[in-house]
């Protein structure tokens, strides 16, 4: 099992996609050759995020920062 699969499996097990894991996935997908298994694992992770089975730290940070901005503006 290579690095993409390992990262995806960790995210699926924990139910959380960290900013660090997201950045590592982005870098691996852009700079390495990967097979169909890795691509399918990545798609599985995307589906889990869309279905709400995996939370995405970067989205939570955006929502948190947006809420703070709204409080400051109010």
PDB file of N, CA and C in Angstrom:
ATOM      1  N   UNK A   1       0.871  -1.182   0.000  1.00  0.00           N
ATOM      2  CA  UNK A   1       0.000   0.000   0.000  1.00  0.00           C
ATOM      3  C   UNK A   1       0.906   1.229   0.000  1.00  0.00           C
ATOM      4  N   UNK A   2       0.630   2.188  -0.884  1.00  0.00           N
ATOM      5  CA  UNK A   2       1.511   3.340  -0.922  1.00  0.00           C
ATOM      6  C   UNK A   2       0.956   4.502  -0.121  1.00  0.00           C
ATOM      7  N   UNK A   3       1.633   5.631  -0.213  1.00  0.00           N
ATOM      8  CA  UNK A   3       1.345   6.759   0.664  1.00  0.00           C
ATOM      9  C   UNK A   3      -0.073   7.316   0.515  1.00  0.00           C
ATOM     10  N   UNK A   4      -0.598   7.415  -0.693  1.00  0.00           N
ATOM     11  CA  UNK A   4      -1.945   7.953  -0.890  1.00  0.00           C
ATOM     12  C   UNK A   4      -2.965   7.070  -0.174  1.00  0.00           C
ATOM     13  N   UNK A   5      -2.861   5.768  -0.386  1.00  0.00           N
ATOM     14  CA  UNK A   5      -3.775   4.832   0.283  1.00  0.00           C
ATOM     15  C   UNK A   5      -3.669   4.917   1.800  1.00  0.00           C
ATOM     16  N   UNK A   6      -2.454   5.055   2.310  1.00  0.00           N
ATOM     17  CA  UNK A   6      -2.258   5.142   3.759  1.00  0.00           C
ATOM     18  C   UNK A   6      -2.914   6.384   4.335  1.00  0.00           C
ATOM     19  N   UNK A   7      -2.740   7.504   3.671  1.00  0.00           N
ATOM     20  CA  UNK A   7      -3.346   8.754   4.130  1.00  0.00           C
ATOM     21  C   UNK A   7      -4.863   8.647   4.097  1.00  0.00           C
ATOM     22  N   UNK A   8      -5.400   8.121   3.005  1.00  0.00           N
ATOM     23  CA  UNK A   8      -6.847   7.979   2.866  1.00  0.00           C
ATOM     24  C   UNK A   8      -7.403   7.052   3.940  1.00  0.00           C
ATOM     25  N   UNK A   9      -6.749   5.919   4.153  1.00  0.00           N
ATOM     26  CA  UNK A   9      -7.231   4.972   5.163  1.00  0.00           C
ATOM     27  C   UNK A   9      -7.241   5.601   6.552  1.00  0.00           C
ATOM     28  N   UNK A  10      -6.214   6.374   6.868  1.00  0.00           N
ATOM     29  CA  UNK A  10      -6.166   7.058   8.163  1.00  0.00           C
ATOM     30  C   UNK A  10      -7.333   8.022   8.302  1.00  0.00           C
ATOM     31  N   UNK A  11      -7.593   8.788   7.262  1.00  0.00           N
ATOM     32  CA  UNK A  11      -8.705   9.745   7.292  1.00  0.00           C
ATOM     33  C   UNK A  11     -10.043   9.040   7.442  1.00  0.00           C
ATOM     34  N   UNK A  12     -10.217   7.938   6.749  1.00  0.00           N
ATOM     35  CA  UNK A  12     -11.469   7.199   6.838  1.00  0.00           C
ATOM     36  C   UNK A  12     -11.639   6.573   8.222  1.00  0.00           C
ATOM     37  N   UNK A  13     -10.543   6.103   8.806  1.00  0.00           N
ATOM     38  CA  UNK A  13     -10.615   5.498  10.141  1.00  0.00           C
ATOM     39  C   UNK A  13     -10.920   6.542  11.214  1.00  0.00           C
ATOM     40  N   UNK A  14     -10.291   7.708  11.099  1.00  0.00           N
ATOM     41  CA  UNK A  14     -10.476   8.741  12.122  1.00  0.00           C
ATOM     42  C   UNK A  14     -11.696   9.608  11.873  1.00  0.00           C
ATOM     43  N   UNK A  15     -12.166   9.618  10.619  1.00  0.00           N
ATOM     44  CA  UNK A  15     -13.291  10.479  10.264  1.00  0.00           C
ATOM     45  C   UNK A  15     -12.891  11.942  10.153  1.00  0.00           C
ATOM     46  N   UNK A  16     -11.593  12.183   9.969  1.00  0.00           N
ATOM     47  CA  UNK A  16     -11.110  13.560   9.945  1.00  0.00           C
ATOM     48  C   UNK A  16      -9.978  13.712   8.941  1.00  0.00           C
ATOM     49  N   UNK A  17     -10.096  14.708   8.081  1.00  0.00           N
ATOM     50  CA  UNK A  17      -9.069  15.047   7.099  1.00  0.00           C
ATOM     51  C   UNK A  17      -8.392  16.324   7.569  1.00  0.00           C
ATOM     52  N   UNK A  18      -7.169  16.184   8.066  1.00  0.00           N
ATOM     53  CA  UNK A  18      -6.451  17.351   8.576  1.00  0.00           C
ATOM     54  C   UNK A  18      -5.907  18.195   7.427  1.00  0.00           C
ATOM     55  N   UNK A  19      -5.561  19.426   7.745  1.00  0.00           N
ATOM     56  CA  UNK A  19      -4.945  20.305   6.741  1.00  0.00           C
ATOM     57  C   UNK A  19      -3.635  19.684   6.265  1.00  0.00           C
ATOM     58  N   UNK A  20      -2.878  19.104   7.196  1.00  0.00           N
ATOM     59  CA  UNK A  20      -1.612  18.471   6.838  1.00  0.00           C
ATOM     60  C   UNK A  20      -1.821  17.302   5.872  1.00  0.00           C
ATOM     61  N   UNK A  21      -2.782  16.440   6.161  1.00  0.00           N
ATOM     62  CA  UNK A  21      -3.064  15.297   5.284  1.00  0.00           C
ATOM     63  C   UNK A  21      -3.548  15.774   3.922  1.00  0.00           C
ATOM     64  N   UNK A  22      -4.364  16.819   3.921  1.00  0.00           N
ATOM     65  CA  UNK A  22      -4.864  17.369   2.658  1.00  0.00           C
ATOM     66  C   UNK A  22      -3.704  17.893   1.800  1.00  0.00           C
ATOM     67  N   UNK A  23      -2.763  18.571   2.443  1.00  0.00           N
ATOM     68  CA  UNK A  23      -1.603  19.102   1.722  1.00  0.00           C
ATOM     69  C   UNK A  23      -0.709  17.969   1.214  1.00  0.00           C
ATOM     70  N   UNK A  24      -0.510  16.936   2.028  1.00  0.00           N
ATOM     71  CA  UNK A  24       0.294  15.790   1.579  1.00  0.00           C
ATOM     72  C   UNK A  24      -0.367  15.086   0.394  1.00  0.00           C
ATOM     73  N   UNK A  25      -1.684  14.922   0.443  1.00  0.00           N
ATOM     74  CA  UNK A  25      -2.400  14.312  -0.686  1.00  0.00           C
ATOM     75  C   UNK A  25      -2.254  15.158  -1.947  1.00  0.00           C
ATOM     76  N   UNK A  26      -2.434  16.454  -1.797  1.00  0.00           N
ATOM     77  CA  UNK A  26      -2.315  17.360  -2.947  1.00  0.00           C
ATOM     78  C   UNK A  26      -0.934  17.230  -3.580  1.00  0.00           C
ATOM     79  N   UNK A  27       0.104  17.225  -2.731  1.00  0.00           N
ATOM     80  CA  UNK A  27       1.474  17.137  -3.240  1.00  0.00           C
ATOM     81  C   UNK A  27       1.715  15.797  -3.926  1.00  0.00           C
ATOM     82  N   UNK A  28       1.274  14.713  -3.301  1.00  0.00           N
ATOM     83  CA  UNK A  28       1.453  13.387  -3.902  1.00  0.00           C
ATOM     84  C   UNK A  28       0.719  13.265  -5.232  1.00  0.00           C
ATOM     85  N   UNK A  29      -0.487  13.778  -5.297  1.00  0.00           N
ATOM     86  CA  UNK A  29      -1.267  13.681  -6.533  1.00  0.00           C
ATOM     87  C   UNK A  29      -0.649  14.513  -7.657  1.00  0.00           C
ATOM     88  N   UNK A  30       0.034  15.587  -7.310  1.00  0.00           N
ATOM     89  CA  UNK A  30       0.641  16.455  -8.316  1.00  0.00           C
ATOM     90  C   UNK A  30       2.040  16.017  -8.733  1.00  0.00           C
ATOM     91  N   UNK A  31       2.750  15.317  -7.853  1.00  0.00           N
ATOM     92  CA  UNK A  31       4.176  15.077  -8.128  1.00  0.00           C
ATOM     93  C   UNK A  31       4.570  13.617  -8.286  1.00  0.00           C
ATOM     94  N   UNK A  32       3.650  12.691  -8.065  1.00  0.00           N
ATOM     95  CA  UNK A  32       4.026  11.279  -8.173  1.00  0.00           C
ATOM     96  C   UNK A  32       3.123  10.564  -9.163  1.00  0.00           C
ATOM     97  N   UNK A  33       3.650   9.463  -9.673  1.00  0.00           N
ATOM     98  CA  UNK A  33       2.811   8.587 -10.487  1.00  0.00           C
ATOM     99  C   UNK A  33       2.051   7.687  -9.530  1.00  0.00           C
ATOM    100  N   UNK A  34       0.773   7.542  -9.772  1.00  0.00           N
ATOM    101  CA  UNK A  34      -0.040   6.698  -8.900  1.00  0.00           C
ATOM    102  C   UNK A  34      -0.944   5.842  -9.762  1.00  0.00           C
ATOM    103  N   UNK A  35      -1.331   4.720  -9.202  1.00  0.00           N
ATOM    104  CA  UNK A  35      -2.153   3.762  -9.932  1.00  0.00           C
ATOM    105  C   UNK A  35      -3.633   3.964  -9.696  1.00  0.00           C
ATOM    106  N   UNK A  36      -4.398   3.099 -10.303  1.00  0.00           N
ATOM    107  CA  UNK A  36      -5.848   3.163 -10.213  1.00  0.00           C
ATOM    108  C   UNK A  36      -6.319   2.961  -8.779  1.00  0.00           C
ATOM    109  N   UNK A  37      -5.608   2.135  -7.993  1.00  0.00           N
ATOM    110  CA  UNK A  37      -6.007   1.907  -6.602  1.00  0.00           C
ATOM    111  C   UNK A  37      -5.919   3.191  -5.786  1.00  0.00           C
ATOM    112  N   UNK A  38      -4.848   3.955  -6.017  1.00  0.00           N
ATOM    113  CA  UNK A  38      -4.711   5.230  -5.319  1.00  0.00           C
ATOM    114  C   UNK A  38      -5.792   6.211  -5.744  1.00  0.00           C
ATOM    115  N   UNK A  39      -6.061   6.240  -7.029  1.00  0.00           N
ATOM    116  CA  UNK A  39      -7.087   7.142  -7.537  1.00  0.00           C
ATOM    117  C   UNK A  39      -8.451   6.780  -6.955  1.00  0.00           C
ATOM    118  N   UNK A  40      -8.752   5.496  -6.900  1.00  0.00           N
ATOM    119  CA  UNK A  40     -10.022   5.050  -6.331  1.00  0.00           C
ATOM    120  C   UNK A  40     -10.101   5.361  -4.839  1.00  0.00           C
ATOM    121  N   UNK A  41      -8.983   5.233  -4.130  1.00  0.00           N
ATOM    122  CA  UNK A  41      -8.953   5.571  -2.707  1.00  0.00           C
ATOM    123  C   UNK A  41      -9.238   7.052  -2.517  1.00  0.00           C
ATOM    124  N   UNK A  42      -8.632   7.882  -3.357  1.00  0.00           N
ATOM    125  CA  UNK A  42      -8.858   9.322  -3.275  1.00  0.00           C
ATOM    126  C   UNK A  42     -10.324   9.657  -3.542  1.00  0.00           C
ATOM    127  N   UNK A  43     -10.914   9.019  -4.540  1.00  0.00           N
ATOM    128  CA  UNK A  43     -12.332   9.236  -4.829  1.00  0.00           C
ATOM    129  C   UNK A  43     -13.211   8.798  -3.656  1.00  0.00           C
ATOM    130  N   UNK A  44     -12.831   7.696  -3.018  1.00  0.00           N
ATOM    131  CA  UNK A  44     -13.571   7.212  -1.845  1.00  0.00           C
ATOM    132  C   UNK A  44     -13.522   8.249  -0.729  1.00  0.00           C
ATOM    133  N   UNK A  45     -12.370   8.878  -0.538  1.00  0.00           N
ATOM    134  CA  UNK A  45     -12.236   9.921   0.475  1.00  0.00           C
ATOM    135  C   UNK A  45     -13.102  11.122   0.124  1.00  0.00           C
ATOM    136  N   UNK A  46     -13.089  11.519  -1.133  1.00  0.00           N
ATOM    137  CA  UNK A  46     -13.930  12.648  -1.560  1.00  0.00           C
ATOM    138  C   UNK A  46     -15.404  12.357  -1.280  1.00  0.00           C
ATOM    139  N   UNK A  47     -15.850  11.158  -1.606  1.00  0.00           N
ATOM    140  CA  UNK A  47     -17.240  10.781  -1.366  1.00  0.00           C
ATOM    141  C   UNK A  47     -17.567  10.813   0.128  1.00  0.00           C
ATOM    142  N   UNK A  48     -16.637  10.338   0.951  1.00  0.00           N
ATOM    143  CA  UNK A  48     -16.857  10.325   2.398  1.00  0.00           C
ATOM    144  C   UNK A  48     -16.970  11.741   2.943  1.00  0.00           C
ATOM    145  N   UNK A  49     -16.170  12.666   2.400  1.00  0.00           N
ATOM    146  CA  UNK A  49     -16.259  14.066   2.826  1.00  0.00           C
ATOM    147  C   UNK A  49     -17.602  14.654   2.402  1.00  0.00           C
ATOM    148  N   UNK A  50     -17.992  14.406   1.179  1.00  0.00           N
ATOM    149  CA  UNK A  50     -19.261  14.925   0.660  1.00  0.00           C
ATOM    150  C   UNK A  50     -20.439  14.393   1.467  1.00  0.00           C
ATOM    151  N   UNK A  51     -20.386  13.109   1.839  1.00  0.00           N
ATOM    152  CA  UNK A  51     -21.471  12.483   2.594  1.00  0.00           C
ATOM    153  C   UNK A  51     -21.442  12.836   4.080  1.00  0.00           C
ATOM    154  N   UNK A  52     -20.408  13.543   4.496  1.00  0.00           N
ATOM    155  CA  UNK A  52     -20.306  13.937   5.897  1.00  0.00           C
ATOM    156  C   UNK A  52     -19.738  12.867   6.807  1.00  0.00           C
ATOM    157  N   UNK A  53     -19.172  11.823   6.228  1.00  0.00           N
ATOM    158  CA  UNK A  53     -18.574  10.754   7.022  1.00  0.00           C
ATOM    159  C   UNK A  53     -17.176  11.131   7.504  1.00  0.00           C
ATOM    160  N   UNK A  54     -16.542  12.048   6.788  1.00  0.00           N
ATOM    161  CA  UNK A  54     -15.219  12.556   7.152  1.00  0.00           C
ATOM    162  C   UNK A  54     -15.304  14.072   7.209  1.00  0.00           C
ATOM    163  N   UNK A  55     -14.887  14.624   8.348  1.00  0.00           N
ATOM    164  CA  UNK A  55     -14.856  16.079   8.499  1.00  0.00           C
ATOM    165  C   UNK A  55     -13.549  16.605   7.925  1.00  0.00           C
ATOM    166  N   UNK A  56     -13.615  17.815   7.385  1.00  0.00           N
ATOM    167  CA  UNK A  56     -12.461  18.419   6.729  1.00  0.00           C
ATOM    168  C   UNK A  56     -12.016  19.644   7.529  1.00  0.00           C
ATOM    169  N   UNK A  57     -10.825  19.552   8.126  1.00  0.00           N
ATOM    170  CA  UNK A  57     -10.323  20.619   8.984  1.00  0.00           C
ATOM    171  C   UNK A  57     -10.280  21.966   8.270  1.00  0.00           C
ATOM    172  N   UNK A  58      -9.874  21.995   7.022  1.00  0.00           N
ATOM    173  CA  UNK A  58      -9.768  23.269   6.301  1.00  0.00           C
ATOM    174  C   UNK A  58     -11.129  23.958   6.182  1.00  0.00           C
ATOM    175  N   UNK A  59     -12.175  23.198   5.960  1.00  0.00           N
ATOM    176  CA  UNK A  59     -13.523  23.790   5.891  1.00  0.00           C
ATOM    177  C   UNK A  59     -13.971  24.305   7.253  1.00  0.00           C
ATOM    178  N   UNK A  60     -13.639  23.545   8.288  1.00  0.00           N
ATOM    179  CA  UNK A  60     -14.000  23.984   9.633  1.00  0.00           C
ATOM    180  C   UNK A  60     -13.288  25.289   9.996  1.00  0.00           C
ATOM    181  N   UNK A  61     -12.032  25.410   9.590  1.00  0.00           N
ATOM    182  CA  UNK A  61     -11.291  26.642   9.856  1.00  0.00           C
ATOM    183  C   UNK A  61     -11.898  27.828   9.115  1.00  0.00           C
ATOM    184  N   UNK A  62     -12.313  27.596   7.876  1.00  0.00           N
ATOM    185  CA  UNK A  62     -12.946  28.663   7.096  1.00  0.00           C
ATOM    186  C   UNK A  62     -14.244  29.102   7.768  1.00  0.00           C
ATOM    187  N   UNK A  63     -15.053  28.145   8.180  1.00  0.00           N
ATOM    188  CA  UNK A  63     -16.313  28.478   8.845  1.00  0.00           C
ATOM    189  C   UNK A  63     -16.074  29.207  10.157  1.00  0.00           C
ATOM    190  N   UNK A  64     -15.089  28.762  10.905  1.00  0.00           N
ATOM    191  CA  UNK A  64     -14.758  29.388  12.184  1.00  0.00           C
ATOM    192  C   UNK A  64     -14.302  30.830  11.969  1.00  0.00           C
ATOM    193  N   UNK A  65     -13.407  31.024  11.003  1.00  0.00           N
ATOM    194  CA  UNK A  65     -12.912  32.373  10.722  1.00  0.00           C
ATOM    195  C   UNK A  65     -14.012  33.279  10.185  1.00  0.00           C
ATOM    196  N   UNK A  66     -14.899  32.730   9.408  1.00  0.00           N
ATOM    197  CA  UNK A  66     -16.030  33.498   8.889  1.00  0.00           C
ATOM    198  C   UNK A  66     -16.951  33.932  10.024  1.00  0.00           C
ATOM    199  N   UNK A  67     -17.181  33.028  10.971  1.00  0.00           N
ATOM    200  CA  UNK A  67     -18.037  33.357  12.113  1.00  0.00           C
ATOM    201  C   UNK A  67     -17.411  34.459  12.952  1.00  0.00           C
ATOM    202  N   UNK A  68     -16.108  34.406  13.137  1.00  0.00           N
ATOM    203  CA  UNK A  68     -15.418  35.455  13.889  1.00  0.00           C
ATOM    204  C   UNK A  68     -15.540  36.796  13.168  1.00  0.00           C
ATOM    205  N   UNK A  69     -15.349  36.786  11.866  1.00  0.00           N
ATOM    206  CA  UNK A  69     -15.473  38.021  11.077  1.00  0.00           C
ATOM    207  C   UNK A  69     -16.888  38.593  11.197  1.00  0.00           C
ATOM    208  N   UNK A  70     -17.882  37.728  11.144  1.00  0.00           N
ATOM    209  CA  UNK A  70     -19.264  38.188  11.270  1.00  0.00           C
ATOM    210  C   UNK A  70     -19.524  38.810  12.642  1.00  0.00           C
ATOM    211  N   UNK A  71     -18.939  38.231  13.669  1.00  0.00           N
ATOM    212  CA  UNK A  71     -19.102  38.805  15.024  1.00  0.00           C
ATOM    213  C   UNK A  71     -18.435  40.172  15.116  1.00  0.00           C
ATOM    214  N   UNK A  72     -17.283  40.298  14.493  1.00  0.00           N
ATOM    215  CA  UNK A  72     -16.573  41.584  14.544  1.00  0.00           C
ATOM    216  C   UNK A  72     -17.290  42.667  13.762  1.00  0.00           C
ATOM    217  N   UNK A  73     -17.938  42.265  12.675  1.00  0.00           N
ATOM    218  CA  UNK A  73     -18.652  43.224  11.847  1.00  0.00           C
ATOM    219  C   UNK A  73     -19.958  43.668  12.520  1.00  0.00           C
ATOM    220  N   UNK A  74     -20.586  42.758  13.233  1.00  0.00           N
ATOM    221  CA  UNK A  74     -21.882  43.050  13.874  1.00  0.00           C
ATOM    222  C   UNK A  74     -21.783  44.071  14.959  1.00  0.00           C
TER     223      UNK A  74
END
